[in-house]
Amino acid sequence: MLYGGIIEELIMRLFLMSLIDFILLKLFVKLKNSKFVPNWVFIVSIALTAIIFGLGHLPVTAQTITYCR
């Protein structure tokens, strides 16, 4: 019962968000003297992960809405 939710959170939060962080860092941030990552990288990756997470649940939501009518 809990397996689906836990695995879904791990895949989205751990792997996808880390991947988006890595891509944004490689594309837009040059860390020469500073070892700190700008906050906007994390904010953008959290927002993109949330949007992808929501889009992934749209088909189930559509089926639920049409079933309940």
C-alpha atoms as a PDB file:
ATOM      1  CA  MET A   1       0.000   0.000   0.000  1.00  0.00           C
ATOM      2  CA  LEU A   2       2.789   2.445   0.815  1.00  0.00           C
ATOM      3  CA  TYR A   3       5.221   1.138  -1.794  1.00  0.00           C
ATOM      4  CA  GLY A   4       3.865   3.209  -4.686  1.00  0.00           C
ATOM      5  CA  GLY A   5       3.936   6.506  -2.826  1.00  0.00           C
ATOM      6  CA  ILE A   6       7.382   5.957  -1.353  1.00  0.00           C
ATOM      7  CA  ILE A   7       8.932   4.907  -4.657  1.00  0.00           C
ATOM      8  CA  GLU A   8       7.199   7.764  -6.468  1.00  0.00           C
ATOM      9  CA  GLU A   9       8.617  10.283  -3.996  1.00  0.00           C
ATOM     10  CA  LEU A  10      12.095   8.773  -4.228  1.00  0.00           C
ATOM     11  CA  ILE A  11      12.100   8.852  -8.009  1.00  0.00           C
ATOM     12  CA  MET A  12      10.739  12.381  -8.258  1.00  0.00           C
ATOM     13  CA  ARG A  13      12.466  14.080  -5.351  1.00  0.00           C
ATOM     14  CA  LEU A  14      15.758  12.231  -5.226  1.00  0.00           C
ATOM     15  CA  PHE A  15      16.553  11.344  -8.801  1.00  0.00           C
ATOM     16  CA  LEU A  16      14.632  13.785 -11.006  1.00  0.00           C
ATOM     17  CA  MET A  17      15.251  16.847  -8.838  1.00  0.00           C
ATOM     18  CA  SER A  18      18.955  15.975  -8.531  1.00  0.00           C
ATOM     19  CA  LEU A  19      19.155  15.541 -12.301  1.00  0.00           C
ATOM     20  CA  ILE A  20      17.537  18.922 -12.915  1.00  0.00           C
ATOM     21  CA  ASP A  21      19.917  20.509 -10.377  1.00  0.00           C
ATOM     22  CA  PHE A  22      22.891  18.972 -12.145  1.00  0.00           C
ATOM     23  CA  ILE A  23      21.721  20.100 -15.595  1.00  0.00           C
ATOM     24  CA  LEU A  24      21.053  23.659 -14.417  1.00  0.00           C
ATOM     25  CA  LEU A  25      24.455  23.830 -12.737  1.00  0.00           C
ATOM     26  CA  LYS A  26      26.254  22.632 -15.846  1.00  0.00           C
ATOM     27  CA  LEU A  27      24.335  24.938 -18.176  1.00  0.00           C
ATOM     28  CA  PHE A  28      24.090  28.188 -16.235  1.00  0.00           C
ATOM     29  CA  VAL A  29      26.405  28.283 -13.208  1.00  0.00           C
ATOM     30  CA  LYS A  30      30.166  28.535 -13.221  1.00  0.00           C
ATOM     31  CA  LEU A  31      31.586  27.686  -9.797  1.00  0.00           C
ATOM     32  CA  LYS A  32      35.156  28.938  -9.865  1.00  0.00           C
ATOM     33  CA  ASN A  33      36.014  30.465  -6.511  1.00  0.00           C
ATOM     34  CA  SER A  34      32.719  29.908  -4.758  1.00  0.00           C
ATOM     35  CA  LYS A  35      31.526  26.458  -3.727  1.00  0.00           C
ATOM     36  CA  PHE A  36      28.005  27.661  -3.027  1.00  0.00           C
ATOM     37  CA  VAL A  37      25.168  26.862  -5.381  1.00  0.00           C
ATOM     38  CA  PRO A  38      22.776  29.766  -6.035  1.00  0.00           C
ATOM     39  CA  ASN A  39      19.318  29.425  -4.488  1.00  0.00           C
ATOM     40  CA  TRP A  40      17.555  29.896  -7.819  1.00  0.00           C
ATOM     41  CA  VAL A  41      18.895  26.523  -9.015  1.00  0.00           C
ATOM     42  CA  PHE A  42      17.062  24.731  -6.216  1.00  0.00           C
ATOM     43  CA  ILE A  43      13.913  26.820  -6.604  1.00  0.00           C
ATOM     44  CA  VAL A  44      13.706  26.115 -10.345  1.00  0.00           C
ATOM     45  CA  SER A  45      14.365  22.396  -9.887  1.00  0.00           C
ATOM     46  CA  ILE A  46      11.699  22.122  -7.177  1.00  0.00           C
ATOM     47  CA  ALA A  47       9.187  23.969  -9.381  1.00  0.00           C
ATOM     48  CA  LEU A  48       9.943  21.830 -12.449  1.00  0.00           C
ATOM     49  CA  THR A  49       9.732  18.627 -10.430  1.00  0.00           C
ATOM     50  CA  ALA A  50       6.374  19.705  -8.982  1.00  0.00           C
ATOM     51  CA  ILE A  51       5.030  20.513 -12.457  1.00  0.00           C
ATOM     52  CA  ILE A  52       6.184  17.150 -13.852  1.00  0.00           C
ATOM     53  CA  PHE A  53       4.723  15.393 -10.802  1.00  0.00           C
ATOM     54  CA  GLY A  54       1.375  17.119 -11.352  1.00  0.00           C
ATOM     55  CA  LEU A  55       1.344  16.379 -15.075  1.00  0.00           C
ATOM     56  CA  GLY A  56       1.999  12.730 -14.326  1.00  0.00           C
ATOM     57  CA  HIS A  57      -1.166  12.571 -12.215  1.00  0.00           C
ATOM     58  CA  LEU A  58      -3.471  14.272 -14.737  1.00  0.00           C
ATOM     59  CA  PRO A  59      -4.583  11.051 -16.501  1.00  0.00           C
ATOM     60  CA  VAL A  60      -5.668   9.465 -13.215  1.00  0.00           C
ATOM     61  CA  THR A  61      -7.476  12.658 -12.230  1.00  0.00           C
ATOM     62  CA  ALA A  62      -9.285  12.740 -15.574  1.00  0.00           C
ATOM     63  CA  GLN A  63     -10.370   9.123 -15.189  1.00  0.00           C
ATOM     64  CA  THR A  64     -11.600   9.764 -11.659  1.00  0.00           C
ATOM     65  CA  ILE A  65     -13.600  12.798 -12.704  1.00  0.00           C
ATOM     66  CA  THR A  66     -15.248  11.028 -15.640  1.00  0.00           C
ATOM     67  CA  TYR A  67     -15.958   7.940 -13.517  1.00  0.00           C
ATOM     68  CA  CYS A  68     -17.678   9.963 -10.786  1.00  0.00           C
ATOM     69  CA  ARG A  69     -20.058  11.712 -13.174  1.00  0.00           C
END
